């Protein structure tokens, strides 16, 4: 039931140009990303913490992160900046809107991993 609800009302975080092997995390979960990674789908609306690092290594690596409040059906678009090694918003609002429309049209669906729903109740209790 929760998956069906999120297919209709869930949010997505699209991450462009992420290098293979970087660390991407949202809330309680983090992954070392593969070559096809472009973000996360089926994210419950609400407050989330998104973080990343240029390396999947946990030790001695700088990690950056930010809080992101998402309303139902929101799509947040970010691009990996190799110079600063962090996720940043695109400079062009039109480009951002086109990518968001692409996510809503399922153009990136095969490259978006599902939000870990088994941890969503713990996260919602915290926030």
N, C-alpha and C. Protein backbone atom coordinates (compact mmCIF):
# COMPACT_ATOMS: atom_id res chain seq x y z
N UNK A 1 0.83 -1.20 0.00
CA UNK A 1 0.00 0.00 0.00
C UNK A 1 0.87 1.26 0.00
N UNK A 2 1.95 1.23 0.80
CA UNK A 2 2.83 2.40 0.87
C UNK A 2 3.50 2.68 -0.48
N UNK A 3 3.92 1.63 -1.18
CA UNK A 3 4.57 1.81 -2.49
C UNK A 3 3.59 2.43 -3.48
N UNK A 4 2.36 1.94 -3.49
CA UNK A 4 1.35 2.50 -4.40
C UNK A 4 1.11 3.99 -4.11
N UNK A 5 1.04 4.33 -2.80
CA UNK A 5 0.83 5.73 -2.42
C UNK A 5 2.02 6.59 -2.90
N UNK A 6 3.22 6.07 -2.75
CA UNK A 6 4.40 6.84 -3.15
C UNK A 6 4.55 6.92 -4.67
N UNK A 7 4.03 5.93 -5.39
CA UNK A 7 4.07 6.03 -6.85
C UNK A 7 3.23 7.21 -7.32
N UNK A 8 2.18 7.52 -6.56
CA UNK A 8 1.32 8.64 -6.92
C UNK A 8 1.79 9.96 -6.31
N UNK A 9 2.23 9.94 -5.04
CA UNK A 9 2.53 11.18 -4.32
C UNK A 9 4.00 11.35 -3.96
N UNK A 10 4.82 10.33 -4.20
CA UNK A 10 6.21 10.36 -3.77
C UNK A 10 7.06 11.37 -4.53
N UNK A 11 8.22 11.62 -3.98
CA UNK A 11 9.15 12.60 -4.53
C UNK A 11 10.35 11.88 -5.13
N UNK A 12 11.17 12.63 -5.84
CA UNK A 12 12.39 12.09 -6.41
C UNK A 12 13.53 13.08 -6.22
N UNK A 13 14.74 12.54 -6.09
CA UNK A 13 15.95 13.34 -6.05
C UNK A 13 16.80 12.89 -7.24
N UNK A 14 16.94 13.75 -8.24
CA UNK A 14 17.72 13.44 -9.44
C UNK A 14 19.12 14.01 -9.27
N UNK A 15 20.13 13.19 -9.49
CA UNK A 15 21.53 13.60 -9.34
C UNK A 15 22.26 13.35 -10.64
N UNK A 16 22.64 14.43 -11.30
CA UNK A 16 23.29 14.33 -12.61
C UNK A 16 24.81 14.30 -12.47
N UNK A 17 25.45 13.60 -13.39
CA UNK A 17 26.92 13.58 -13.51
C UNK A 17 27.63 13.00 -12.29
N UNK A 18 26.99 12.10 -11.57
CA UNK A 18 27.63 11.49 -10.40
C UNK A 18 28.70 10.50 -10.84
N UNK A 19 29.91 10.63 -10.33
CA UNK A 19 30.95 9.68 -10.73
C UNK A 19 30.76 8.33 -10.05
N UNK A 20 31.02 7.28 -10.78
CA UNK A 20 30.94 5.94 -10.21
C UNK A 20 31.90 5.86 -9.01
N UNK A 21 31.43 5.27 -7.92
CA UNK A 21 32.25 5.12 -6.74
C UNK A 21 32.06 6.20 -5.69
N UNK A 22 31.29 7.25 -6.00
CA UNK A 22 31.03 8.29 -5.00
C UNK A 22 30.04 7.75 -3.97
N UNK A 23 29.95 8.41 -2.83
CA UNK A 23 28.99 8.05 -1.80
C UNK A 23 27.78 8.97 -1.92
N UNK A 24 26.58 8.39 -1.95
CA UNK A 24 25.33 9.16 -1.93
C UNK A 24 24.49 8.64 -0.79
N UNK A 25 23.94 9.56 0.02
CA UNK A 25 23.09 9.14 1.11
C UNK A 25 21.87 10.01 1.24
N UNK A 26 20.81 9.39 1.75
CA UNK A 26 19.60 10.13 2.09
C UNK A 26 19.08 9.55 3.40
N UNK A 27 18.89 10.42 4.38
CA UNK A 27 18.41 10.02 5.70
C UNK A 27 19.36 8.99 6.32
N UNK A 28 18.87 7.79 6.61
CA UNK A 28 19.67 6.77 7.28
C UNK A 28 20.46 5.86 6.33
N UNK A 29 20.33 6.03 5.03
CA UNK A 29 20.93 5.09 4.08
C UNK A 29 21.95 5.77 3.19
N UNK A 30 23.02 5.05 2.89
CA UNK A 30 24.04 5.56 1.97
C UNK A 30 24.53 4.42 1.09
N UNK A 31 24.93 4.77 -0.13
CA UNK A 31 25.39 3.79 -1.09
C UNK A 31 26.62 4.32 -1.82
N UNK A 32 27.50 3.41 -2.18
CA UNK A 32 28.55 3.73 -3.15
C UNK A 32 27.89 3.49 -4.51
N UNK A 33 27.85 4.52 -5.35
CA UNK A 33 27.01 4.45 -6.54
C UNK A 33 27.73 3.78 -7.71
N UNK A 34 26.92 3.19 -8.56
CA UNK A 34 27.40 2.53 -9.77
C UNK A 34 27.31 3.46 -10.97
N UNK A 35 27.64 2.96 -12.14
CA UNK A 35 27.72 3.81 -13.34
C UNK A 35 26.36 4.34 -13.82
N UNK A 36 25.26 3.68 -13.47
CA UNK A 36 23.94 4.11 -13.96
C UNK A 36 23.17 4.96 -12.95
N UNK A 37 23.74 5.19 -11.76
CA UNK A 37 23.02 5.91 -10.70
C UNK A 37 22.69 7.35 -11.10
N UNK A 38 21.41 7.71 -10.91
CA UNK A 38 20.97 9.09 -11.16
C UNK A 38 20.05 9.60 -10.06
N UNK A 39 20.00 8.92 -8.91
CA UNK A 39 19.19 9.44 -7.83
C UNK A 39 18.28 8.41 -7.20
N UNK A 40 17.26 8.94 -6.49
CA UNK A 40 16.36 8.12 -5.70
C UNK A 40 14.91 8.52 -5.99
N UNK A 41 14.04 7.51 -6.08
CA UNK A 41 12.60 7.74 -6.30
C UNK A 41 11.81 7.19 -5.13
N UNK A 42 10.51 7.42 -5.14
CA UNK A 42 9.60 6.95 -4.10
C UNK A 42 9.97 7.49 -2.73
N UNK A 43 10.47 8.72 -2.70
CA UNK A 43 10.84 9.37 -1.44
C UNK A 43 9.58 9.92 -0.79
N UNK A 44 9.31 9.57 0.46
CA UNK A 44 8.12 10.12 1.12
C UNK A 44 8.24 11.65 1.24
N UNK A 45 7.14 12.38 1.05
CA UNK A 45 7.20 13.83 1.25
C UNK A 45 7.63 14.14 2.69
N UNK A 46 8.27 15.29 2.86
CA UNK A 46 8.71 15.71 4.19
C UNK A 46 10.16 16.16 4.17
N UNK A 47 10.75 16.22 5.34
CA UNK A 47 12.12 16.68 5.50
C UNK A 47 13.09 15.51 5.35
N UNK A 48 14.15 15.73 4.57
CA UNK A 48 15.16 14.69 4.34
C UNK A 48 16.55 15.30 4.42
N UNK A 49 17.51 14.46 4.73
CA UNK A 49 18.91 14.88 4.75
C UNK A 49 19.64 14.14 3.64
N UNK A 50 20.18 14.92 2.70
CA UNK A 50 20.89 14.37 1.55
C UNK A 50 22.38 14.66 1.75
N UNK A 51 23.22 13.66 1.56
CA UNK A 51 24.65 13.88 1.74
C UNK A 51 25.44 13.10 0.70
N UNK A 52 26.68 13.54 0.48
CA UNK A 52 27.50 12.92 -0.55
C UNK A 52 28.97 13.14 -0.24
N UNK A 53 29.78 12.35 -0.92
CA UNK A 53 31.23 12.46 -0.82
C UNK A 53 31.81 11.96 -2.13
N UNK A 54 32.95 12.49 -2.52
CA UNK A 54 33.59 12.09 -3.77
C UNK A 54 34.08 10.65 -3.76
N UNK A 55 34.09 10.02 -2.60
CA UNK A 55 34.58 8.66 -2.48
C UNK A 55 33.63 7.84 -1.63
N UNK A 56 33.55 6.55 -1.94
CA UNK A 56 32.72 5.66 -1.14
C UNK A 56 33.40 5.25 0.16
N UNK A 57 34.66 5.66 0.34
CA UNK A 57 35.38 5.33 1.57
C UNK A 57 34.78 6.11 2.73
N UNK A 58 34.69 5.49 3.89
CA UNK A 58 34.11 6.16 5.05
C UNK A 58 35.12 6.94 5.88
N UNK A 59 36.39 6.62 5.74
CA UNK A 59 37.41 7.18 6.63
C UNK A 59 38.18 8.30 5.94
N UNK A 60 38.33 9.43 6.64
CA UNK A 60 39.18 10.51 6.16
C UNK A 60 38.69 11.23 4.91
N UNK A 61 37.41 11.16 4.64
CA UNK A 61 36.86 11.77 3.43
C UNK A 61 35.87 12.85 3.84
N UNK A 62 35.95 13.99 3.16
CA UNK A 62 34.99 15.04 3.51
C UNK A 62 33.63 14.69 2.92
N UNK A 63 32.61 14.96 3.70
CA UNK A 63 31.24 14.67 3.32
C UNK A 63 30.46 15.97 3.42
N UNK A 64 29.64 16.26 2.44
CA UNK A 64 28.79 17.44 2.52
C UNK A 64 27.34 17.00 2.48
N UNK A 65 26.47 17.80 3.08
CA UNK A 65 25.07 17.45 3.09
C UNK A 65 24.18 18.65 3.34
N UNK A 66 22.90 18.44 3.15
CA UNK A 66 21.94 19.52 3.33
C UNK A 66 20.57 18.92 3.60
N UNK A 67 19.73 19.71 4.26
CA UNK A 67 18.35 19.31 4.47
C UNK A 67 17.52 19.74 3.27
N UNK A 68 16.53 18.94 2.96
CA UNK A 68 15.70 19.19 1.79
C UNK A 68 14.26 18.89 2.19
N UNK A 69 13.39 19.91 2.11
CA UNK A 69 11.97 19.69 2.40
C UNK A 69 11.26 19.46 1.08
N UNK A 70 10.54 18.34 0.98
CA UNK A 70 9.88 17.98 -0.26
C UNK A 70 8.37 17.86 -0.05
N UNK A 71 7.62 18.52 -0.92
CA UNK A 71 6.16 18.39 -0.93
C UNK A 71 5.79 17.22 -1.85
N UNK A 72 4.56 16.70 -1.77
CA UNK A 72 4.17 15.58 -2.64
C UNK A 72 4.49 15.87 -4.11
N UNK A 73 5.06 14.87 -4.77
CA UNK A 73 5.40 14.89 -6.20
C UNK A 73 6.58 15.80 -6.55
N UNK A 74 7.26 16.38 -5.55
CA UNK A 74 8.43 17.23 -5.84
C UNK A 74 9.55 16.41 -6.50
N UNK A 75 10.28 17.09 -7.37
CA UNK A 75 11.50 16.53 -7.93
C UNK A 75 12.61 17.54 -7.66
N UNK A 76 13.61 17.12 -6.92
CA UNK A 76 14.77 17.98 -6.64
C UNK A 76 15.88 17.56 -7.60
N UNK A 77 16.45 18.54 -8.31
CA UNK A 77 17.48 18.26 -9.31
C UNK A 77 18.81 18.82 -8.82
N UNK A 78 19.83 17.97 -8.85
CA UNK A 78 21.17 18.38 -8.46
C UNK A 78 22.17 17.89 -9.51
N UNK A 79 23.32 18.52 -9.53
CA UNK A 79 24.41 18.12 -10.41
C UNK A 79 25.67 17.99 -9.55
N UNK A 80 26.46 16.95 -9.82
CA UNK A 80 27.73 16.77 -9.10
C UNK A 80 28.73 17.79 -9.63
N UNK A 81 29.30 18.56 -8.74
CA UNK A 81 30.34 19.53 -9.11
C UNK A 81 31.70 18.91 -8.75
N UNK A 82 32.48 18.50 -9.75
CA UNK A 82 33.75 17.83 -9.45
C UNK A 82 34.77 18.76 -8.78
N UNK A 83 34.66 20.07 -9.00
CA UNK A 83 35.62 21.01 -8.40
C UNK A 83 35.43 21.10 -6.89
N UNK A 84 34.17 21.17 -6.43
CA UNK A 84 33.90 21.30 -5.00
C UNK A 84 33.53 19.96 -4.35
N UNK A 85 33.36 18.93 -5.19
CA UNK A 85 32.94 17.60 -4.74
C UNK A 85 31.68 17.66 -3.89
N UNK A 86 30.64 18.30 -4.45
CA UNK A 86 29.35 18.33 -3.77
C UNK A 86 28.23 18.42 -4.80
N UNK A 87 27.04 18.10 -4.34
CA UNK A 87 25.85 18.22 -5.18
C UNK A 87 25.36 19.65 -5.13
N UNK A 88 25.12 20.25 -6.30
CA UNK A 88 24.65 21.63 -6.39
C UNK A 88 23.43 21.70 -7.31
N UNK A 89 22.62 22.71 -7.10
CA UNK A 89 21.47 22.93 -7.99
C UNK A 89 21.96 23.42 -9.35
N UNK A 90 21.28 23.05 -10.43
CA UNK A 90 21.66 23.60 -11.75
C UNK A 90 21.50 25.11 -11.77
N UNK A 91 22.35 25.79 -12.55
CA UNK A 91 22.29 27.25 -12.65
C UNK A 91 21.04 27.73 -13.38
N UNK A 92 20.56 26.93 -14.31
CA UNK A 92 19.48 27.35 -15.19
C UNK A 92 18.14 26.76 -14.73
N UNK A 93 17.19 27.61 -14.30
CA UNK A 93 15.88 27.10 -13.84
C UNK A 93 15.12 26.34 -14.93
N UNK A 94 15.27 26.75 -16.20
CA UNK A 94 14.59 26.04 -17.29
C UNK A 94 15.12 24.62 -17.44
N UNK A 95 16.44 24.48 -17.32
CA UNK A 95 17.06 23.16 -17.39
C UNK A 95 16.55 22.28 -16.24
N UNK A 96 16.49 22.87 -15.04
CA UNK A 96 16.00 22.15 -13.87
C UNK A 96 14.56 21.68 -14.09
N UNK A 97 13.72 22.54 -14.65
CA UNK A 97 12.32 22.19 -14.91
C UNK A 97 12.21 21.07 -15.95
N UNK A 98 13.06 21.11 -16.98
CA UNK A 98 13.04 20.05 -18.01
C UNK A 98 13.42 18.69 -17.40
N UNK A 99 14.45 18.70 -16.57
CA UNK A 99 14.84 17.44 -15.92
C UNK A 99 13.73 16.94 -15.00
N UNK A 100 13.10 17.83 -14.25
CA UNK A 100 12.00 17.44 -13.35
C UNK A 100 10.85 16.83 -14.15
N UNK A 101 10.53 17.44 -15.29
CA UNK A 101 9.49 16.89 -16.16
C UNK A 101 9.88 15.50 -16.66
N UNK A 102 11.16 15.33 -16.97
CA UNK A 102 11.65 14.02 -17.42
C UNK A 102 11.49 12.96 -16.35
N UNK A 103 11.76 13.33 -15.10
CA UNK A 103 11.57 12.37 -13.99
C UNK A 103 10.09 12.02 -13.87
N UNK A 104 9.22 13.02 -13.94
CA UNK A 104 7.77 12.76 -13.82
C UNK A 104 7.26 11.92 -14.98
N UNK A 105 7.94 12.01 -16.14
CA UNK A 105 7.56 11.21 -17.31
C UNK A 105 8.27 9.86 -17.34
N UNK A 106 8.95 9.49 -16.26
CA UNK A 106 9.64 8.21 -16.10
C UNK A 106 10.83 8.03 -17.05
N UNK A 107 11.37 9.13 -17.60
CA UNK A 107 12.53 9.03 -18.50
C UNK A 107 13.76 8.49 -17.78
N UNK A 108 13.87 8.72 -16.48
CA UNK A 108 15.06 8.32 -15.72
C UNK A 108 14.78 7.15 -14.77
N UNK A 109 13.60 6.56 -14.89
CA UNK A 109 13.14 5.59 -13.90
C UNK A 109 14.12 4.43 -13.69
N UNK A 110 14.72 3.94 -14.77
CA UNK A 110 15.64 2.80 -14.67
C UNK A 110 16.93 3.18 -13.93
N UNK A 111 17.21 4.47 -13.79
CA UNK A 111 18.44 4.93 -13.16
C UNK A 111 18.21 5.49 -11.75
N UNK A 112 16.97 5.39 -11.26
CA UNK A 112 16.65 5.89 -9.92
C UNK A 112 16.40 4.70 -9.00
N UNK A 113 17.13 4.67 -7.89
CA UNK A 113 16.92 3.60 -6.92
C UNK A 113 15.75 3.94 -6.01
N UNK A 114 15.06 2.92 -5.47
CA UNK A 114 13.94 3.19 -4.58
C UNK A 114 14.42 3.64 -3.20
N UNK A 115 13.70 4.57 -2.62
CA UNK A 115 13.96 4.99 -1.24
C UNK A 115 13.77 3.78 -0.33
N UNK A 116 14.64 3.59 0.66
CA UNK A 116 14.50 2.43 1.56
C UNK A 116 13.33 2.58 2.53
N UNK A 117 12.17 2.08 2.14
CA UNK A 117 10.94 2.27 2.92
C UNK A 117 11.01 1.64 4.29
N UNK A 118 11.86 0.62 4.47
CA UNK A 118 11.95 0.00 5.79
C UNK A 118 12.49 0.97 6.85
N UNK A 119 13.16 2.05 6.41
CA UNK A 119 13.69 3.03 7.35
C UNK A 119 12.85 4.30 7.44
N UNK A 120 11.82 4.41 6.61
CA UNK A 120 11.06 5.67 6.56
C UNK A 120 10.32 5.98 7.86
N UNK A 121 9.83 4.96 8.57
CA UNK A 121 9.12 5.25 9.82
C UNK A 121 10.08 5.77 10.88
N UNK A 122 11.30 5.22 10.92
CA UNK A 122 12.31 5.72 11.87
C UNK A 122 12.64 7.17 11.55
N UNK A 123 12.83 7.48 10.27
CA UNK A 123 13.19 8.85 9.88
C UNK A 123 12.04 9.81 10.19
N UNK A 124 10.80 9.41 9.89
CA UNK A 124 9.67 10.31 10.13
C UNK A 124 9.47 10.57 11.62
N UNK A 125 9.79 9.60 12.46
CA UNK A 125 9.71 9.82 13.91
C UNK A 125 10.74 10.86 14.35
N UNK A 126 11.92 10.82 13.73
CA UNK A 126 12.99 11.75 14.08
C UNK A 126 12.65 13.17 13.62
N UNK A 127 12.03 13.29 12.47
CA UNK A 127 11.74 14.62 11.91
C UNK A 127 10.33 15.05 12.23
